[in-house]
C-alpha atoms as a PDB file:
ATOM      1  CA  MET A   1      24.772  53.452 -11.879  1.00  0.00           C
ATOM      2  CA  THR A   2      25.837  50.279 -13.586  1.00  0.00           C
ATOM      3  CA  PRO A   3      23.638  47.570 -15.049  1.00  0.00           C
ATOM      4  CA  ALA A   4      22.881  44.659 -12.725  1.00  0.00           C
ATOM      5  CA  HIS A   5      24.012  41.216 -13.877  1.00  0.00           C
ATOM      6  CA  GLY A   6      23.999  41.975 -17.596  1.00  0.00           C
ATOM      7  CA  SER A   7      20.713  43.829 -17.459  1.00  0.00           C
ATOM      8  CA  SER A   8      20.287  46.983 -19.498  1.00  0.00           C
ATOM      9  CA  ARG A   9      18.490  48.578 -16.556  1.00  0.00           C
ATOM     10  CA  PRO A  10      20.529  50.361 -13.902  1.00  0.00           C
ATOM     11  CA  PHE A  11      20.777  48.742 -10.474  1.00  0.00           C
ATOM     12  CA  ARG A  12      18.923  50.621  -7.771  1.00  0.00           C
ATOM     13  CA  ARG A  13      19.403  49.675  -4.173  1.00  0.00           C
ATOM     14  CA  PRO A  14      15.992  49.622  -2.542  1.00  0.00           C
ATOM     15  CA  ARG A  15      15.183  52.184   0.118  1.00  0.00           C
ATOM     16  CA  PRO A  16      15.291  50.396   3.501  1.00  0.00           C
ATOM     17  CA  ILE A  17      12.252  50.712   5.737  1.00  0.00           C
ATOM     18  CA  LYS A  18      13.149  52.538   8.930  1.00  0.00           C
ATOM     19  CA  PRO A  19      12.757  50.138  11.870  1.00  0.00           C
ATOM     20  CA  GLY A  20      10.451  51.108  14.689  1.00  0.00           C
ATOM     21  CA  ALA A  21      11.022  50.467  18.382  1.00  0.00           C
ATOM     22  CA  GLY A  22      12.034  46.838  18.916  1.00  0.00           C
ATOM     23  CA  GLN A  23      12.451  46.151  15.199  1.00  0.00           C
ATOM     24  CA  GLU A  24      15.460  45.234  13.060  1.00  0.00           C
ATOM     25  CA  SER A  25      16.143  46.177   9.456  1.00  0.00           C
ATOM     26  CA  VAL A  26      17.547  43.432   7.266  1.00  0.00           C
ATOM     27  CA  TRP A  27      19.656  46.190   5.707  1.00  0.00           C
ATOM     28  CA  ASP A  28      21.601  46.429   8.973  1.00  0.00           C
ATOM     29  CA  TYR A  29      22.486  42.717   8.843  1.00  0.00           C
ATOM     30  CA  PRO A  30      26.077  41.845   7.865  1.00  0.00           C
ATOM     31  CA  ARG A  31      27.645  40.375   4.764  1.00  0.00           C
ATOM     32  CA  PRO A  32      29.153  37.839   5.138  1.00  0.00           C
ATOM     33  CA  PRO A  33      26.324  36.483   7.299  1.00  0.00           C
ATOM     34  CA  ARG A  34      26.408  36.078  11.068  1.00  0.00           C
ATOM     35  CA  VAL A  35      25.144  33.101  13.105  1.00  0.00           C
ATOM     36  CA  GLU A  36      23.400  33.858  16.413  1.00  0.00           C
ATOM     37  CA  PRO A  37      22.116  31.474  19.081  1.00  0.00           C
ATOM     38  CA  ARG A  38      18.499  32.226  20.038  1.00  0.00           C
ATOM     39  CA  SER A  39      16.406  31.288  23.051  1.00  0.00           C
ATOM     40  CA  GLU A  40      12.918  32.067  21.718  1.00  0.00           C
ATOM     41  CA  ARG A  41      10.570  29.115  21.529  1.00  0.00           C
ATOM     42  CA  VAL A  42      10.342  27.909  17.933  1.00  0.00           C
ATOM     43  CA  ILE A  43       7.510  25.548  16.989  1.00  0.00           C
ATOM     44  CA  VAL A  44       7.039  24.036  13.533  1.00  0.00           C
ATOM     45  CA  ARG A  45       3.865  22.232  12.444  1.00  0.00           C
ATOM     46  CA  PHE A  46       3.520  20.037   9.385  1.00  0.00           C
ATOM     47  CA  GLY A  47       1.035  17.354   8.413  1.00  0.00           C
ATOM     48  CA  GLY A  48      -1.138  18.477  11.305  1.00  0.00           C
ATOM     49  CA  GLN A  49       1.608  17.636  13.823  1.00  0.00           C
ATOM     50  CA  ILE A  50       4.270  19.487  15.765  1.00  0.00           C
ATOM     51  CA  ILE A  51       7.505  18.359  14.102  1.00  0.00           C
ATOM     52  CA  ALA A  52       9.916  20.595  16.039  1.00  0.00           C
ATOM     53  CA  ASP A  53       9.780  22.483  19.322  1.00  0.00           C
ATOM     54  CA  THR A  54      12.972  24.093  20.605  1.00  0.00           C
ATOM     55  CA  THR A  55      14.462  26.987  22.520  1.00  0.00           C
ATOM     56  CA  SER A  56      17.926  26.248  21.077  1.00  0.00           C
ATOM     57  CA  ALA A  57      17.646  27.591  17.533  1.00  0.00           C
ATOM     58  CA  LEU A  58      20.273  29.490  15.609  1.00  0.00           C
ATOM     59  CA  ARG A  59      19.482  32.261  13.189  1.00  0.00           C
ATOM     60  CA  VAL A  60      21.584  33.400  10.254  1.00  0.00           C
ATOM     61  CA  LEU A  61      21.502  37.102   9.456  1.00  0.00           C
ATOM     62  CA  GLU A  62      22.525  38.362   6.021  1.00  0.00           C
ATOM     63  CA  THR A  63      22.077  41.761   4.389  1.00  0.00           C
ATOM     64  CA  SER A  64      18.674  42.131   2.660  1.00  0.00           C
ATOM     65  CA  HIS A  65      17.376  38.735   3.871  1.00  0.00           C
ATOM     66  CA  PRO A  66      14.968  37.881   6.661  1.00  0.00           C
ATOM     67  CA  PRO A  67      16.660  35.625   9.233  1.00  0.00           C
ATOM     68  CA  VAL A  68      16.868  31.918   8.494  1.00  0.00           C
ATOM     69  CA  TYR A  69      16.274  29.767  11.568  1.00  0.00           C
ATOM     70  CA  TYR A  70      18.269  26.560  12.032  1.00  0.00           C
ATOM     71  CA  LEU A  71      16.837  24.047  14.504  1.00  0.00           C
ATOM     72  CA  PRO A  72      18.790  21.263  16.211  1.00  0.00           C
ATOM     73  CA  LEU A  73      18.409  17.913  14.454  1.00  0.00           C
ATOM     74  CA  SER A  74      17.561  16.518  17.895  1.00  0.00           C
ATOM     75  CA  SER A  75      14.374  18.641  18.005  1.00  0.00           C
ATOM     76  CA  PHE A  76      12.795  16.579  15.187  1.00  0.00           C
ATOM     77  CA  PRO A  77      11.137  13.191  15.751  1.00  0.00           C
ATOM     78  CA  THR A  78      12.725  10.239  13.969  1.00  0.00           C
ATOM     79  CA  GLY A  79      11.455   9.843  10.403  1.00  0.00           C
ATOM     80  CA  VAL A  80      10.341  13.463   9.874  1.00  0.00           C
ATOM     81  CA  LEU A  81      13.524  14.430   7.996  1.00  0.00           C
ATOM     82  CA  VAL A  82      14.304  12.096   5.095  1.00  0.00           C
ATOM     83  CA  PRO A  83      17.665  12.723   3.373  1.00  0.00           C
ATOM     84  CA  VAL A  84      17.429  13.154  -0.407  1.00  0.00           C
ATOM     85  CA  GLU A  85      19.950  13.300  -3.234  1.00  0.00           C
ATOM     86  CA  GLY A  86      21.468  16.529  -4.440  1.00  0.00           C
ATOM     87  CA  THR A  87      23.313  19.450  -2.904  1.00  0.00           C
ATOM     88  CA  SER A  88      23.746  23.170  -3.375  1.00  0.00           C
ATOM     89  CA  TYR A  89      26.618  25.470  -2.531  1.00  0.00           C
ATOM     90  CA  CYS A  90      26.652  28.648  -0.447  1.00  0.00           C
ATOM     91  CA  GLU A  91      29.711  30.843  -0.850  1.00  0.00           C
ATOM     92  CA  PHE A  92      29.719  31.392   2.918  1.00  0.00           C
ATOM     93  CA  LYS A  93      28.381  28.237   4.567  1.00  0.00           C
ATOM     94  CA  GLY A  94      29.557  25.524   2.164  1.00  0.00           C
ATOM     95  CA  VAL A  95      27.694  22.511   0.742  1.00  0.00           C
ATOM     96  CA  ALA A  96      24.051  22.098   1.763  1.00  0.00           C
ATOM     97  CA  HIS A  97      22.344  18.703   1.870  1.00  0.00           C
ATOM     98  CA  TYR A  98      18.544  18.416   1.659  1.00  0.00           C
ATOM     99  CA  PHE A  99      15.672  16.642   3.367  1.00  0.00           C
ATOM    100  CA  ASP A 100      12.117  15.832   2.451  1.00  0.00           C
ATOM    101  CA  VAL A 101       9.855  16.623   5.402  1.00  0.00           C
ATOM    102  CA  VAL A 102       7.282  13.910   6.154  1.00  0.00           C
ATOM    103  CA  ALA A 103       4.573  13.926   8.843  1.00  0.00           C
ATOM    104  CA  GLY A 104       0.897  13.068   9.230  1.00  0.00           C
ATOM    105  CA  GLY A 105       0.701  11.640   5.711  1.00  0.00           C
ATOM    106  CA  ALA A 106       2.033  14.875   4.163  1.00  0.00           C
ATOM    107  CA  LEU A 107       5.257  15.306   2.184  1.00  0.00           C
ATOM    108  CA  ALA A 108       7.199  18.529   1.527  1.00  0.00           C
ATOM    109  CA  PRO A 109       9.954  17.676  -0.972  1.00  0.00           C
ATOM    110  CA  ARG A 110      13.376  19.209  -0.294  1.00  0.00           C
ATOM    111  CA  ALA A 111      11.857  21.502   2.343  1.00  0.00           C
ATOM    112  CA  GLY A 112      14.790  21.303   4.758  1.00  0.00           C
ATOM    113  CA  TRP A 113      18.546  21.602   4.485  1.00  0.00           C
ATOM    114  CA  THR A 114      21.674  21.256   6.583  1.00  0.00           C
ATOM    115  CA  TYR A 115      25.399  21.890   6.376  1.00  0.00           C
ATOM    116  CA  PRO A 116      27.028  18.697   7.703  1.00  0.00           C
ATOM    117  CA  GLU A 117      30.534  20.126   7.136  1.00  0.00           C
ATOM    118  CA  PRO A 118      30.103  23.917   7.246  1.00  0.00           C
ATOM    119  CA  THR A 119      32.955  26.215   6.299  1.00  0.00           C
ATOM    120  CA  PRO A 120      35.074  27.917   8.995  1.00  0.00           C
ATOM    121  CA  GLY A 121      33.057  30.514  10.859  1.00  0.00           C
ATOM    122  CA  PHE A 122      29.795  28.602  10.403  1.00  0.00           C
ATOM    123  CA  GLU A 123      30.608  25.483  12.449  1.00  0.00           C
ATOM    124  CA  ALA A 124      27.636  26.175  14.746  1.00  0.00           C
ATOM    125  CA  LEU A 125      25.305  25.131  11.890  1.00  0.00           C
ATOM    126  CA  ARG A 126      26.557  21.537  12.030  1.00  0.00           C
ATOM    127  CA  SER A 127      23.711  19.245  13.185  1.00  0.00           C
ATOM    128  CA  HIS A 128      21.078  21.954  12.619  1.00  0.00           C
ATOM    129  CA  VAL A 129      18.347  22.060   9.984  1.00  0.00           C
ATOM    130  CA  ALA A 130      16.678  25.003   8.268  1.00  0.00           C
ATOM    131  CA  LEU A 131      13.166  24.724   6.855  1.00  0.00           C
ATOM    132  CA  TYR A 132      11.297  26.714   4.227  1.00  0.00           C
ATOM    133  CA  PRO A 133       8.496  28.168   6.365  1.00  0.00           C
ATOM    134  CA  GLY A 134       6.203  28.500   3.334  1.00  0.00           C
ATOM    135  CA  ARG A 135       6.248  24.726   2.875  1.00  0.00           C
ATOM    136  CA  MET A 136       5.226  23.987   6.474  1.00  0.00           C
ATOM    137  CA  ASP A 137       1.720  24.236   7.984  1.00  0.00           C
ATOM    138  CA  SER A 138       3.092  26.927  10.289  1.00  0.00           C
ATOM    139  CA  CYS A 139       6.255  28.149  11.972  1.00  0.00           C
ATOM    140  CA  GLU A 140       6.117  30.212  15.169  1.00  0.00           C
ATOM    141  CA  ILE A 141       8.640  32.221  17.128  1.00  0.00           C
ATOM    142  CA  ASP A 142       7.502  32.880  20.690  1.00  0.00           C
ATOM    143  CA  GLY A 143       3.886  32.391  19.607  1.00  0.00           C
ATOM    144  CA  GLU A 144       4.043  34.686  16.550  1.00  0.00           C
ATOM    145  CA  ARG A 145       3.312  32.932  13.278  1.00  0.00           C
ATOM    146  CA  VAL A 146       5.994  33.808  10.757  1.00  0.00           C
ATOM    147  CA  THR A 147       5.468  34.623   7.111  1.00  0.00           C
ATOM    148  CA  PHE A 148       7.912  33.438   4.497  1.00  0.00           C
ATOM    149  CA  GLN A 149      10.373  35.153   2.217  1.00  0.00           C
ATOM    150  CA  GLU A 150       9.219  35.350  -1.383  1.00  0.00           C
ATOM    151  CA  GLY A 151      10.934  33.273  -4.040  1.00  0.00           C
ATOM    152  CA  ASP A 152      11.873  29.621  -4.087  1.00  0.00           C
ATOM    153  CA  PHE A 153      15.538  29.844  -3.112  1.00  0.00           C
ATOM    154  CA  TYR A 154      15.810  31.589   0.243  1.00  0.00           C
ATOM    155  CA  GLY A 155      14.181  30.401   3.446  1.00  0.00           C
ATOM    156  CA  GLY A 156      13.749  33.569   5.507  1.00  0.00           C
ATOM    157  CA  TRP A 157      11.373  33.813   8.446  1.00  0.00           C
ATOM    158  CA  ILE A 158       9.546  37.156   8.655  1.00  0.00           C
ATOM    159  CA  THR A 159       8.053  38.443  11.905  1.00  0.00           C
ATOM    160  CA  THR A 160       6.741  41.844  12.955  1.00  0.00           C
ATOM    161  CA  GLN A 161      10.197  42.561  14.408  1.00  0.00           C
ATOM    162  CA  ILE A 162      11.845  42.470  10.961  1.00  0.00           C
ATOM    163  CA  VAL A 163      11.542  45.150   8.269  1.00  0.00           C
ATOM    164  CA  GLY A 164      12.780  45.126   4.653  1.00  0.00           C
ATOM    165  CA  PRO A 165      12.356  45.321   1.806  1.00  0.00           C
ATOM    166  CA  PHE A 166      13.417  41.694   1.440  1.00  0.00           C
ATOM    167  CA  LYS A 167      15.416  40.073  -1.334  1.00  0.00           C
ATOM    168  CA  GLY A 168      13.811  37.036  -2.959  1.00  0.00           C
ATOM    169  CA  GLY A 169      10.735  38.264  -4.796  1.00  0.00           C
ATOM    170  CA  PRO A 170      10.443  39.271  -8.439  1.00  0.00           C
ATOM    171  CA  GLY A 171      12.834  42.054  -9.449  1.00  0.00           C
ATOM    172  CA  THR A 172      15.206  41.606  -6.489  1.00  0.00           C
ATOM    173  CA  ALA A 173      17.914  39.467  -8.138  1.00  0.00           C
ATOM    174  CA  GLY A 174      20.273  42.407  -8.638  1.00  0.00           C
ATOM    175  CA  TRP A 175      20.300  43.614  -5.025  1.00  0.00           C
END
């Protein structure tokens, strides 16, 4: 075993949880990531209001990460997504631009992001927005309230159909 990212400790790949019937393991997801269209009903609440309701979401699947759901920009009411300065870079998807989310008198700074000019292979993400579910009042997929991926960088949506362990929390940087 070799040290992870300059650490003196050896890297240990976590032991994946075996999925049950109807479940998926994030360890079976691909790298580079894959984009999938989804037809489940996705509802997002923030500031005591429904700010998105769609059956046209996309989800991005990447090894060790819960899926990230991208919702059509058209599913958000005008004024809910406020563009802010600053970008980040994904080696796969390209340059991300951020939004503050505003509704019902509440503000979630930089809680959404989009890829206005995604790299080849990720063109489907154009005009879609991902949200950090932990910064919203709630996010639901077909009526199931999702939990959020630990950490402050990734925006994975965890349901009972997804098993890990999940990258993002303390001690997972070297995975």
